[in-house]
Amino acid sequence: MAKKNKLKKLLVNIRNGNIPWYTKNKYVLASVLFLVWLTFFDRNNLIDQYKLHTQLSDLRSKKEYYADQIKIVKQEKQELFTNMASLEKFAREHYMMKKVNEDLFVIVSEKKKG
C-alpha cells in the first residue's frame, strides 16, 4: 500500500515538472545504462558469464572424478601385471578363459518378475 502511494507521488511530481535528481544526473543515467547493457545486451553479458561459471565448475568436478578413476585403473593395471594370480582371476572372470584340463560352466540366473 505504501509503495503504491510513493509511486503515485512520484508520478504526480513528474507530471508537475518536479523530476527526481537521479534522473537529471548524467553519471547516474550512464551507470544505469551501463549496468543494463552489461546485464542483457553485451556479448559477454552477466547472465552468460554465470552460465559459463557453473559449466566451468561442473567440468572441474568431472575432471577431478576422472583423475581419480585414472588413478584407480592404473593401480589395478599395476596389480594385474605384477601378480599372476590376479591376472588369472581377471582372465577367468572377464574373458571366460580356462585351463586346458578343466571344463567351464556358466550359470546365468533368471531375473524375477514381480
Protein backbone atom coordinates (compact mmCIF):
# COMPACT_ATOMS: atom_id res chain seq x y z
CA MET A 1 0.00 0.00 0.00
CA ALA A 2 2.82 2.37 0.90
CA LYS A 3 4.63 1.51 -2.34
CA LYS A 4 1.58 2.49 -4.38
CA ASN A 5 1.38 5.84 -2.58
CA LYS A 6 5.06 6.54 -3.21
CA LEU A 7 4.64 5.63 -6.87
CA LYS A 8 1.60 7.91 -7.19
CA LYS A 9 3.51 10.80 -5.57
CA LEU A 10 6.43 10.24 -7.93
CA LEU A 11 4.15 10.24 -10.98
CA VAL A 12 2.39 13.40 -9.79
CA ASN A 13 5.75 15.11 -9.25
CA ILE A 14 6.88 14.13 -12.75
CA ARG A 15 3.66 15.50 -14.27
CA ASN A 16 4.15 18.77 -12.42
CA GLY A 17 7.71 19.11 -13.70
CA ASN A 18 9.42 18.08 -10.47
CA ILE A 19 11.76 15.43 -11.85
CA PRO A 20 13.82 13.50 -9.25
CA TRP A 21 17.52 14.41 -9.02
CA TYR A 22 18.77 10.98 -10.05
CA THR A 23 17.04 11.21 -13.43
CA LYS A 24 18.81 14.51 -14.16
CA ASN A 25 22.28 13.36 -13.14
CA LYS A 26 24.19 12.18 -16.21
CA TYR A 27 26.51 9.93 -14.19
CA VAL A 28 23.62 8.05 -12.63
CA LEU A 29 21.94 7.63 -16.01
CA ALA A 30 25.19 6.50 -17.63
CA SER A 31 25.81 4.00 -14.81
CA VAL A 32 22.29 2.58 -15.07
CA LEU A 33 22.54 2.26 -18.84
CA PHE A 34 25.97 0.64 -18.49
CA LEU A 35 24.65 -1.92 -15.99
CA VAL A 36 21.64 -2.70 -18.18
CA TRP A 37 23.93 -3.09 -21.18
CA LEU A 38 26.29 -5.43 -19.30
CA THR A 39 23.46 -7.48 -17.86
CA PHE A 40 21.46 -8.11 -21.02
CA PHE A 41 22.93 -6.88 -24.31
CA ASP A 42 26.70 -7.32 -24.23
CA ARG A 43 28.31 -10.28 -25.97
CA ASN A 44 29.77 -11.34 -22.61
CA ASN A 45 26.76 -10.37 -20.53
CA LEU A 46 26.42 -11.27 -16.87
CA ILE A 47 23.81 -13.94 -17.49
CA ASP A 48 26.08 -15.80 -19.91
CA GLN A 49 29.01 -15.34 -17.53
CA TYR A 50 27.02 -17.01 -14.76
CA LYS A 51 26.12 -19.92 -17.05
CA LEU A 52 29.75 -20.29 -18.10
CA HIS A 53 30.88 -20.19 -14.47
CA THR A 54 28.52 -23.01 -13.50
CA GLN A 55 29.59 -25.01 -16.56
CA LEU A 56 33.24 -24.50 -15.61
CA SER A 57 32.65 -25.72 -12.07
CA ASP A 58 30.86 -28.81 -13.45
CA LEU A 59 33.77 -29.52 -15.79
CA ARG A 60 36.26 -29.14 -12.95
CA SER A 61 34.36 -31.63 -10.82
CA LYS A 62 34.25 -34.07 -13.76
CA LYS A 63 37.99 -33.60 -14.27
CA GLU A 64 38.57 -34.44 -10.62
CA TYR A 65 36.36 -37.53 -10.89
CA TYR A 66 38.15 -38.83 -13.99
CA ALA A 67 41.57 -38.15 -12.46
CA ASP A 68 40.56 -40.33 -9.51
CA GLN A 69 39.29 -43.02 -11.87
CA ILE A 70 42.57 -42.95 -13.80
CA LYS A 71 44.49 -43.47 -10.55
CA ILE A 72 42.29 -46.46 -9.68
CA VAL A 73 42.72 -48.02 -13.13
CA LYS A 74 46.50 -47.54 -13.01
CA GLN A 75 46.61 -49.29 -9.63
CA GLU A 76 44.54 -52.19 -10.99
CA LYS A 77 46.78 -52.40 -14.06
CA GLN A 78 49.89 -52.47 -11.89
CA GLU A 79 48.37 -55.20 -9.76
CA LEU A 80 47.44 -57.28 -12.81
CA PHE A 81 50.91 -57.13 -14.34
CA THR A 82 52.76 -57.88 -11.11
CA ASN A 83 50.59 -60.63 -9.61
CA MET A 84 49.95 -63.72 -11.73
CA ALA A 85 47.08 -64.90 -9.52
CA SER A 86 45.18 -61.68 -10.05
CA LEU A 87 45.89 -61.83 -13.80
CA GLU A 88 44.47 -65.35 -13.95
CA LYS A 89 41.40 -64.30 -11.95
CA PHE A 90 40.83 -61.33 -14.26
CA ALA A 91 41.12 -63.50 -17.37
CA ARG A 92 38.72 -66.10 -15.98
CA GLU A 93 36.09 -63.54 -14.89
CA HIS A 94 36.13 -61.20 -17.85
CA TYR A 95 37.15 -63.37 -20.79
CA MET A 96 35.95 -66.77 -19.52
CA MET A 97 39.32 -68.37 -20.12
CA LYS A 98 40.09 -71.78 -18.71
CA LYS A 99 42.94 -74.17 -18.28
CA VAL A 100 43.45 -76.99 -20.77
CA ASN A 101 42.31 -79.80 -18.48
CA GLU A 102 39.18 -78.21 -16.98
CA ASP A 103 35.59 -77.58 -18.03
CA LEU A 104 33.85 -74.23 -17.69
CA PHE A 105 30.19 -73.97 -16.76
CA VAL A 106 28.44 -70.61 -16.96
CA ILE A 107 25.37 -70.28 -14.76
CA VAL A 108 23.01 -67.46 -15.65
CA SER A 109 20.32 -66.68 -13.11
CA GLU A 110 16.91 -65.60 -14.32
CA LYS A 111 15.60 -62.26 -13.19
CA LYS A 112 12.48 -62.49 -11.08
CA LYS A 113 9.46 -60.65 -12.39
CA GLY A 114 7.42 -59.04 -9.71
